[in-house]
Amino acid sequence: MKTLGNIIWVIFGGLHIALEYFIAGLILMITIIGIPFGKMHFRLEKLALSPFGKEVV
């Protein structure tokens, strides 16, 4: 059921959200101060692609 939910999620908007996190992460990695925030955006990108079955700690 998680796999089906993730597939439907990616089709109806998850890919768009993940792309936005990726672009924001790249922009934040330009400055030294933004590197920790850029790393967090890359982690959020993975979560945005398959949120079902994941746990945020």
PDB file of N, CA and C in Angstrom:
ATOM      1  N   MET A   1       0.814  -1.187   0.000  1.00  0.00           N
ATOM      2  CA  MET A   1       0.000   0.000   0.000  1.00  0.00           C
ATOM      3  C   MET A   1       0.869   1.267   0.000  1.00  0.00           C
ATOM      4  N   LYS A   2       2.028   1.195   0.680  1.00  0.00           N
ATOM      5  CA  LYS A   2       2.920   2.360   0.700  1.00  0.00           C
ATOM      6  C   LYS A   2       3.435   2.672  -0.696  1.00  0.00           C
ATOM      7  N   THR A   3       3.749   1.621  -1.447  1.00  0.00           N
ATOM      8  CA  THR A   3       4.281   1.829  -2.795  1.00  0.00           C
ATOM      9  C   THR A   3       3.248   2.495  -3.687  1.00  0.00           C
ATOM     10  N   LEU A   4       2.014   2.053  -3.606  1.00  0.00           N
ATOM     11  CA  LEU A   4       0.946   2.652  -4.408  1.00  0.00           C
ATOM     12  C   LEU A   4       0.737   4.117  -4.017  1.00  0.00           C
ATOM     13  N   GLY A   5       0.742   4.390  -2.721  1.00  0.00           N
ATOM     14  CA  GLY A   5       0.596   5.770  -2.257  1.00  0.00           C
ATOM     15  C   GLY A   5       1.726   6.661  -2.738  1.00  0.00           C
ATOM     16  N   ASN A   6       2.954   6.133  -2.724  1.00  0.00           N
ATOM     17  CA  ASN A   6       4.103   6.913  -3.191  1.00  0.00           C
ATOM     18  C   ASN A   6       4.030   7.177  -4.686  1.00  0.00           C
ATOM     19  N   ILE A   7       3.583   6.207  -5.463  1.00  0.00           N
ATOM     20  CA  ILE A   7       3.455   6.403  -6.915  1.00  0.00           C
ATOM     21  C   ILE A   7       2.415   7.471  -7.214  1.00  0.00           C
ATOM     22  N   ILE A   8       1.272   7.392  -6.540  1.00  0.00           N
ATOM     23  CA  ILE A   8       0.223   8.399  -6.745  1.00  0.00           C
ATOM     24  C   ILE A   8       0.722   9.774  -6.303  1.00  0.00           C
ATOM     25  N   TRP A   9       1.456   9.818  -5.200  1.00  0.00           N
ATOM     26  CA  TRP A   9       2.001  11.076  -4.696  1.00  0.00           C
ATOM     27  C   TRP A   9       2.946  11.721  -5.709  1.00  0.00           C
ATOM     28  N   VAL A  10       3.842  10.936  -6.298  1.00  0.00           N
ATOM     29  CA  VAL A  10       4.809  11.479  -7.262  1.00  0.00           C
ATOM     30  C   VAL A  10       4.085  12.016  -8.489  1.00  0.00           C
ATOM     31  N   ILE A  11       3.068  11.312  -8.938  1.00  0.00           N
ATOM     32  CA  ILE A  11       2.334  11.746 -10.133  1.00  0.00           C
ATOM     33  C   ILE A  11       1.599  13.063  -9.883  1.00  0.00           C
ATOM     34  N   PHE A  12       0.995  13.211  -8.710  1.00  0.00           N
ATOM     35  CA  PHE A  12       0.145  14.371  -8.448  1.00  0.00           C
ATOM     36  C   PHE A  12       0.818  15.492  -7.667  1.00  0.00           C
ATOM     37  N   GLY A  13       2.126  15.610  -7.717  1.00  0.00           N
ATOM     38  CA  GLY A  13       2.756  16.781  -7.129  1.00  0.00           C
ATOM     39  C   GLY A  13       4.048  16.547  -6.383  1.00  0.00           C
ATOM     40  N   GLY A  14       4.352  15.331  -6.023  1.00  0.00           N
ATOM     41  CA  GLY A  14       5.574  15.065  -5.271  1.00  0.00           C
ATOM     42  C   GLY A  14       6.828  15.389  -6.058  1.00  0.00           C
ATOM     43  N   LEU A  15       6.801  15.140  -7.349  1.00  0.00           N
ATOM     44  CA  LEU A  15       7.966  15.422  -8.191  1.00  0.00           C
ATOM     45  C   LEU A  15       8.230  16.926  -8.258  1.00  0.00           C
ATOM     46  N   HIS A  16       7.168  17.702  -8.336  1.00  0.00           N
ATOM     47  CA  HIS A  16       7.297  19.160  -8.387  1.00  0.00           C
ATOM     48  C   HIS A  16       7.890  19.696  -7.078  1.00  0.00           C
ATOM     49  N   ILE A  17       7.416  19.194  -5.960  1.00  0.00           N
ATOM     50  CA  ILE A  17       7.922  19.635  -4.657  1.00  0.00           C
ATOM     51  C   ILE A  17       9.386  19.232  -4.491  1.00  0.00           C
ATOM     52  N   ALA A  18       9.732  18.008  -4.901  1.00  0.00           N
ATOM     53  CA  ALA A  18      11.115  17.536  -4.791  1.00  0.00           C
ATOM     54  C   ALA A  18      12.046  18.379  -5.659  1.00  0.00           C
ATOM     55  N   LEU A  19      11.586  18.769  -6.829  1.00  0.00           N
ATOM     56  CA  LEU A  19      12.397  19.615  -7.706  1.00  0.00           C
ATOM     57  C   LEU A  19      12.639  20.988  -7.074  1.00  0.00           C
ATOM     58  N   GLU A  20      11.617  21.533  -6.415  1.00  0.00           N
ATOM     59  CA  GLU A  20      11.784  22.819  -5.734  1.00  0.00           C
ATOM     60  C   GLU A  20      12.788  22.712  -4.590  1.00  0.00           C
ATOM     61  N   TYR A  21      12.732  21.624  -3.824  1.00  0.00           N
ATOM     62  CA  TYR A  21      13.705  21.419  -2.748  1.00  0.00           C
ATOM     63  C   TYR A  21      15.113  21.282  -3.313  1.00  0.00           C
ATOM     64  N   PHE A  22      15.252  20.602  -4.443  1.00  0.00           N
ATOM     65  CA  PHE A  22      16.563  20.416  -5.061  1.00  0.00           C
ATOM     66  C   PHE A  22      17.153  21.748  -5.510  1.00  0.00           C
ATOM     67  N   ILE A  23      16.353  22.560  -6.174  1.00  0.00           N
ATOM     68  CA  ILE A  23      16.824  23.866  -6.651  1.00  0.00           C
ATOM     69  C   ILE A  23      17.177  24.774  -5.473  1.00  0.00           C
ATOM     70  N   ALA A  24      16.327  24.779  -4.442  1.00  0.00           N
ATOM     71  CA  ALA A  24      16.616  25.594  -3.262  1.00  0.00           C
ATOM     72  C   ALA A  24      17.892  25.114  -2.577  1.00  0.00           C
ATOM     73  N   GLY A  25      18.099  23.805  -2.528  1.00  0.00           N
ATOM     74  CA  GLY A  25      19.318  23.262  -1.936  1.00  0.00           C
ATOM     75  C   GLY A  25      20.554  23.687  -2.692  1.00  0.00           C
ATOM     76  N   LEU A  26      20.479  23.680  -4.020  1.00  0.00           N
ATOM     77  CA  LEU A  26      21.621  24.126  -4.819  1.00  0.00           C
ATOM     78  C   LEU A  26      21.932  25.596  -4.580  1.00  0.00           C
ATOM     79  N   ILE A  27      20.902  26.418  -4.502  1.00  0.00           N
ATOM     80  CA  ILE A  27      21.105  27.846  -4.267  1.00  0.00           C
ATOM     81  C   ILE A  27      21.712  28.080  -2.888  1.00  0.00           C
ATOM     82  N   LEU A  28      21.238  27.346  -1.892  1.00  0.00           N
ATOM     83  CA  LEU A  28      21.760  27.528  -0.538  1.00  0.00           C
ATOM     84  C   LEU A  28      23.194  27.041  -0.390  1.00  0.00           C
ATOM     85  N   MET A  29      23.615  26.085  -1.201  1.00  0.00           N
ATOM     86  CA  MET A  29      24.971  25.552  -1.096  1.00  0.00           C
ATOM     87  C   MET A  29      26.026  26.528  -1.636  1.00  0.00           C
ATOM     88  N   ILE A  30      25.600  27.624  -2.239  1.00  0.00           N
ATOM     89  CA  ILE A  30      26.546  28.597  -2.789  1.00  0.00           C
ATOM     90  C   ILE A  30      27.307  29.307  -1.670  1.00  0.00           C
ATOM     91  N   THR A  31      26.610  29.625  -0.574  1.00  0.00           N
ATOM     92  CA  THR A  31      27.268  30.347   0.514  1.00  0.00           C
ATOM     93  C   THR A  31      27.671  29.388   1.632  1.00  0.00           C
ATOM     94  N   ILE A  32      28.657  29.784   2.402  1.00  0.00           N
ATOM     95  CA  ILE A  32      29.113  28.950   3.519  1.00  0.00           C
ATOM     96  C   ILE A  32      28.028  28.859   4.593  1.00  0.00           C
ATOM     97  N   ILE A  33      27.345  29.942   4.849  1.00  0.00           N
ATOM     98  CA  ILE A  33      26.298  29.952   5.871  1.00  0.00           C
ATOM     99  C   ILE A  33      25.121  29.073   5.455  1.00  0.00           C
ATOM    100  N   GLY A  34      24.855  28.969   4.171  1.00  0.00           N
ATOM    101  CA  GLY A  34      23.705  28.214   3.691  1.00  0.00           C
ATOM    102  C   GLY A  34      23.931  26.721   3.538  1.00  0.00           C
ATOM    103  N   ILE A  35      25.165  26.235   3.701  1.00  0.00           N
ATOM    104  CA  ILE A  35      25.455  24.813   3.477  1.00  0.00           C
ATOM    105  C   ILE A  35      24.626  23.896   4.379  1.00  0.00           C
ATOM    106  N   PRO A  36      24.499  24.150   5.695  1.00  0.00           N
ATOM    107  CA  PRO A  36      23.667  23.257   6.512  1.00  0.00           C
ATOM    108  C   PRO A  36      22.205  23.243   6.069  1.00  0.00           C
ATOM    109  N   PHE A  37      21.712  24.401   5.645  1.00  0.00           N
ATOM    110  CA  PHE A  37      20.332  24.482   5.182  1.00  0.00           C
ATOM    111  C   PHE A  37      20.169  23.775   3.836  1.00  0.00           C
ATOM    112  N   GLY A  38      21.185  23.862   2.994  1.00  0.00           N
ATOM    113  CA  GLY A  38      21.160  23.157   1.713  1.00  0.00           C
ATOM    114  C   GLY A  38      21.134  21.654   1.902  1.00  0.00           C
ATOM    115  N   LYS A  39      21.926  21.160   2.868  1.00  0.00           N
ATOM    116  CA  LYS A  39      21.913  19.722   3.161  1.00  0.00           C
ATOM    117  C   LYS A  39      20.534  19.278   3.631  1.00  0.00           C
ATOM    118  N   MET A  40      19.891  20.108   4.452  1.00  0.00           N
ATOM    119  CA  MET A  40      18.556  19.761   4.939  1.00  0.00           C
ATOM    120  C   MET A  40      17.553  19.751   3.792  1.00  0.00           C
ATOM    121  N   HIS A  41      17.701  20.648   2.838  1.00  0.00           N
ATOM    122  CA  HIS A  41      16.798  20.643   1.694  1.00  0.00           C
ATOM    123  C   HIS A  41      16.970  19.370   0.867  1.00  0.00           C
ATOM    124  N   PHE A  42      18.199  18.865   0.756  1.00  0.00           N
ATOM    125  CA  PHE A  42      18.408  17.620   0.024  1.00  0.00           C
ATOM    126  C   PHE A  42      17.773  16.442   0.752  1.00  0.00           C
ATOM    127  N   ARG A  43      17.781  16.464   2.089  1.00  0.00           N
ATOM    128  CA  ARG A  43      17.097  15.410   2.849  1.00  0.00           C
ATOM    129  C   ARG A  43      15.588  15.508   2.675  1.00  0.00           C
ATOM    130  N   LEU A  44      15.072  16.740   2.675  1.00  0.00           N
ATOM    131  CA  LEU A  44      13.638  16.932   2.483  1.00  0.00           C
ATOM    132  C   LEU A  44      13.204  16.535   1.076  1.00  0.00           C
ATOM    133  N   GLU A  45      14.114  16.669   0.122  1.00  0.00           N
ATOM    134  CA  GLU A  45      13.804  16.255  -1.248  1.00  0.00           C
ATOM    135  C   GLU A  45      13.521  14.756  -1.302  1.00  0.00           C
ATOM    136  N   LYS A  46      14.332  13.967  -0.612  1.00  0.00           N
ATOM    137  CA  LYS A  46      14.111  12.519  -0.578  1.00  0.00           C
ATOM    138  C   LYS A  46      12.786  12.191   0.090  1.00  0.00           C
ATOM    139  N   LEU A  47      12.446  12.937   1.138  1.00  0.00           N
ATOM    140  CA  LEU A  47      11.180  12.717   1.825  1.00  0.00           C
ATOM    141  C   LEU A  47      10.004  13.127   0.945  1.00  0.00           C
ATOM    142  N   ALA A  48      10.170  14.170   0.154  1.00  0.00           N
ATOM    143  CA  ALA A  48       9.087  14.639  -0.705  1.00  0.00           C
ATOM    144  C   ALA A  48       8.783  13.648  -1.825  1.00  0.00           C
ATOM    145  N   LEU A  49       9.777  12.863  -2.230  1.00  0.00           N
ATOM    146  CA  LEU A  49       9.541  11.888  -3.296  1.00  0.00           C
ATOM    147  C   LEU A  49       8.766  10.670  -2.811  1.00  0.00           C
ATOM    148  N   SER A  50       8.994  10.245  -1.584  1.00  0.00           N
ATOM    149  CA  SER A  50       8.291   9.059  -1.075  1.00  0.00           C
ATOM    150  C   SER A  50       7.946   9.247   0.396  1.00  0.00           C
ATOM    151  N   PRO A  51       6.887  10.009   0.689  1.00  0.00           N
ATOM    152  CA  PRO A  51       6.572  10.316   2.085  1.00  0.00           C
ATOM    153  C   PRO A  51       5.887   9.176   2.838  1.00  0.00           C
ATOM    154  N   PHE A  52       5.235   8.271   2.138  1.00  0.00           N
ATOM    155  CA  PHE A  52       4.500   7.212   2.813  1.00  0.00           C
ATOM    156  C   PHE A  52       5.453   6.123   3.277  1.00  0.00           C
ATOM    157  N   GLY A  53       5.380   5.783   4.546  1.00  0.00           N
ATOM    158  CA  GLY A  53       6.258   4.776   5.109  1.00  0.00           C
ATOM    159  C   GLY A  53       7.519   5.352   5.707  1.00  0.00           C
ATOM    160  N   LYS A  54       7.679   6.663   5.660  1.00  0.00           N
ATOM    161  CA  LYS A  54       8.864   7.316   6.234  1.00  0.00           C
ATOM    162  C   LYS A  54       8.478   7.939   7.572  1.00  0.00           C
ATOM    163  N   GLU A  55       9.478   8.147   8.418  1.00  0.00           N
ATOM    164  CA  GLU A  55       9.257   8.768   9.714  1.00  0.00           C
ATOM    165  C   GLU A  55      10.242   9.914   9.883  1.00  0.00           C
ATOM    166  N   VAL A  56       9.743  11.080  10.232  1.00  0.00           N
ATOM    167  CA  VAL A  56      10.585  12.252  10.421  1.00  0.00           C
ATOM    168  C   VAL A  56      10.964  12.328  11.890  1.00  0.00           C
ATOM    169  N   VAL A  57      12.268  12.400  12.135  1.00  0.00           N
ATOM    170  CA  VAL A  57      12.746  12.452  13.528  1.00  0.00           C
ATOM    171  C   VAL A  57      13.420  13.781  13.773  1.00  0.00           C
TER     172      VAL A  57
END
